[in-house]
Amino acid sequence: MCQAIPRPVLEVTHERARVVVDGAELWVDRRAVAELAVGDYVVVYAGAALEKMPEDEALEMIRFYEEFESMLAEGSERLFGANVP
């Protein structure tokens, strides 16, 4: 499932940006975001950077998703046991 989640920018070229996705580095199309620099956060969806996001908002959204994933894992463990992948 694709999610529009802010990602930190590691490198920028004319058409692409290298970002971090779940601990791995990934190149995405950045042509929709005119002004972009290393250290910025961009919302990435389906392999493309859609917009730049302020760092404080990006970090808040990342924390929300981390907490949400933790709650889902905890709920699955309660329902199905600890051995569910």
C-alpha atoms as a PDB file:
ATOM      1  CA  MET A   1       0.000   0.000   0.000  1.00  0.00           C
ATOM      2  CA  CYS A   2       1.323   3.448  -0.894  1.00  0.00           C
ATOM      3  CA  GLN A   3       1.190   6.160   1.739  1.00  0.00           C
ATOM      4  CA  ALA A   4       1.956   9.846   1.326  1.00  0.00           C
ATOM      5  CA  ILE A   5       4.503  10.190   4.116  1.00  0.00           C
ATOM      6  CA  PRO A   6       7.145  12.919   4.508  1.00  0.00           C
ATOM      7  CA  ARG A   7      10.680  11.750   3.784  1.00  0.00           C
ATOM      8  CA  PRO A   8      14.020  13.473   4.452  1.00  0.00           C
ATOM      9  CA  VAL A   9      15.989  14.536   1.375  1.00  0.00           C
ATOM     10  CA  LEU A  10      19.598  13.296   1.168  1.00  0.00           C
ATOM     11  CA  GLU A  11      20.568  14.422  -2.341  1.00  0.00           C
ATOM     12  CA  VAL A  12      19.012  16.510  -5.116  1.00  0.00           C
ATOM     13  CA  THR A  13      19.519  16.467  -8.879  1.00  0.00           C
ATOM     14  CA  HIS A  14      17.622  18.325 -11.600  1.00  0.00           C
ATOM     15  CA  GLU A  15      14.883  15.687 -11.857  1.00  0.00           C
ATOM     16  CA  ARG A  16      15.334  13.388  -8.856  1.00  0.00           C
ATOM     17  CA  ALA A  17      15.816  13.410  -5.107  1.00  0.00           C
ATOM     18  CA  ARG A  18      17.307  10.683  -2.936  1.00  0.00           C
ATOM     19  CA  VAL A  19      15.179  10.160   0.189  1.00  0.00           C
ATOM     20  CA  VAL A  20      14.990   7.727   3.104  1.00  0.00           C
ATOM     21  CA  VAL A  21      12.053   5.285   3.038  1.00  0.00           C
ATOM     22  CA  ASP A  22      11.801   2.808   5.921  1.00  0.00           C
ATOM     23  CA  GLY A  23      15.546   2.946   6.488  1.00  0.00           C
ATOM     24  CA  ALA A  24      16.456   2.456   2.810  1.00  0.00           C
ATOM     25  CA  GLU A  25      17.544   5.118   0.340  1.00  0.00           C
ATOM     26  CA  LEU A  26      15.325   5.588  -2.706  1.00  0.00           C
ATOM     27  CA  TRP A  27      15.412   7.912  -5.716  1.00  0.00           C
ATOM     28  CA  VAL A  28      12.114   9.672  -6.458  1.00  0.00           C
ATOM     29  CA  ASP A  29      10.957  12.073  -9.168  1.00  0.00           C
ATOM     30  CA  ARG A  30      11.188  15.609  -7.757  1.00  0.00           C
ATOM     31  CA  ARG A  31      10.060  17.695 -10.755  1.00  0.00           C
ATOM     32  CA  ALA A  32       6.808  18.715  -8.997  1.00  0.00           C
ATOM     33  CA  VAL A  33       8.841  20.449  -6.259  1.00  0.00           C
ATOM     34  CA  ALA A  34      10.715  23.392  -7.746  1.00  0.00           C
ATOM     35  CA  GLU A  35      12.846  24.463  -4.777  1.00  0.00           C
ATOM     36  CA  LEU A  36      14.376  21.551  -2.911  1.00  0.00           C
ATOM     37  CA  ALA A  37      17.540  21.159  -0.845  1.00  0.00           C
ATOM     38  CA  VAL A  38      19.295  18.493   1.177  1.00  0.00           C
ATOM     39  CA  GLY A  39      17.686  18.326   4.613  1.00  0.00           C
ATOM     40  CA  ASP A  40      14.212  19.318   3.403  1.00  0.00           C
ATOM     41  CA  TYR A  41      11.261  16.999   3.888  1.00  0.00           C
ATOM     42  CA  VAL A  42       9.036  16.035   0.966  1.00  0.00           C
ATOM     43  CA  VAL A  43       5.762  14.151   0.810  1.00  0.00           C
ATOM     44  CA  VAL A  44       6.397  11.110  -1.378  1.00  0.00           C
ATOM     45  CA  TYR A  45       3.687   9.081  -3.073  1.00  0.00           C
ATOM     46  CA  ALA A  46       4.081   6.409  -5.757  1.00  0.00           C
ATOM     47  CA  GLY A  47       7.715   7.272  -6.451  1.00  0.00           C
ATOM     48  CA  ALA A  48       7.264  11.029  -6.743  1.00  0.00           C
ATOM     49  CA  ALA A  49       7.852  13.954  -4.413  1.00  0.00           C
ATOM     50  CA  LEU A  50       4.557  15.859  -4.330  1.00  0.00           C
ATOM     51  CA  GLU A  51       5.326  18.796  -2.056  1.00  0.00           C
ATOM     52  CA  LYS A  52       7.814  20.165   0.430  1.00  0.00           C
ATOM     53  CA  MET A  53       6.713  20.055   4.072  1.00  0.00           C
ATOM     54  CA  PRO A  54       7.953  22.123   7.033  1.00  0.00           C
ATOM     55  CA  GLU A  55      10.276  20.055   9.225  1.00  0.00           C
ATOM     56  CA  ASP A  56       8.182  20.384  12.406  1.00  0.00           C
ATOM     57  CA  GLU A  57       5.048  19.160  10.598  1.00  0.00           C
ATOM     58  CA  ALA A  58       6.975  16.349   8.898  1.00  0.00           C
ATOM     59  CA  LEU A  59       8.436  15.095  12.179  1.00  0.00           C
ATOM     60  CA  GLU A  60       5.024  15.259  13.853  1.00  0.00           C
ATOM     61  CA  MET A  61       3.470  13.203  11.039  1.00  0.00           C
ATOM     62  CA  ILE A  62       6.314  10.653  11.153  1.00  0.00           C
ATOM     63  CA  ARG A  63       5.830  10.257  14.916  1.00  0.00           C
ATOM     64  CA  PHE A  64       2.089   9.778  14.388  1.00  0.00           C
ATOM     65  CA  TYR A  65       2.652   6.987  11.844  1.00  0.00           C
ATOM     66  CA  GLU A  66       5.199   5.278  14.131  1.00  0.00           C
ATOM     67  CA  GLU A  67       2.746   5.346  17.051  1.00  0.00           C
ATOM     68  CA  PHE A  68      -0.089   4.157  14.808  1.00  0.00           C
ATOM     69  CA  GLU A  69       1.970   1.206  13.512  1.00  0.00           C
ATOM     70  CA  SER A  70       2.873   0.308  17.092  1.00  0.00           C
ATOM     71  CA  MET A  71      -0.796   0.326  18.122  1.00  0.00           C
ATOM     72  CA  LEU A  72      -1.714  -1.877  15.150  1.00  0.00           C
ATOM     73  CA  ALA A  73       1.026  -4.367  16.007  1.00  0.00           C
ATOM     74  CA  GLU A  74      -0.074  -4.440  19.647  1.00  0.00           C
ATOM     75  CA  GLY A  75      -3.702  -4.997  18.645  1.00  0.00           C
ATOM     76  CA  SER A  76      -2.745  -7.810  16.269  1.00  0.00           C
ATOM     77  CA  GLU A  77      -0.702  -9.462  19.001  1.00  0.00           C
ATOM     78  CA  ARG A  78      -3.631  -9.282  21.404  1.00  0.00           C
ATOM     79  CA  LEU A  79      -6.037 -10.734  18.850  1.00  0.00           C
ATOM     80  CA  PHE A  80      -3.869 -13.347  17.152  1.00  0.00           C
ATOM     81  CA  GLY A  81      -0.931 -13.997  19.471  1.00  0.00           C
ATOM     82  CA  ALA A  82       2.722 -13.043  19.439  1.00  0.00           C
ATOM     83  CA  ASN A  83       3.737 -15.174  16.429  1.00  0.00           C
ATOM     84  CA  VAL A  84       1.914 -13.096  13.774  1.00  0.00           C
ATOM     85  CA  PRO A  85       4.352 -11.584  11.220  1.00  0.00           C
END
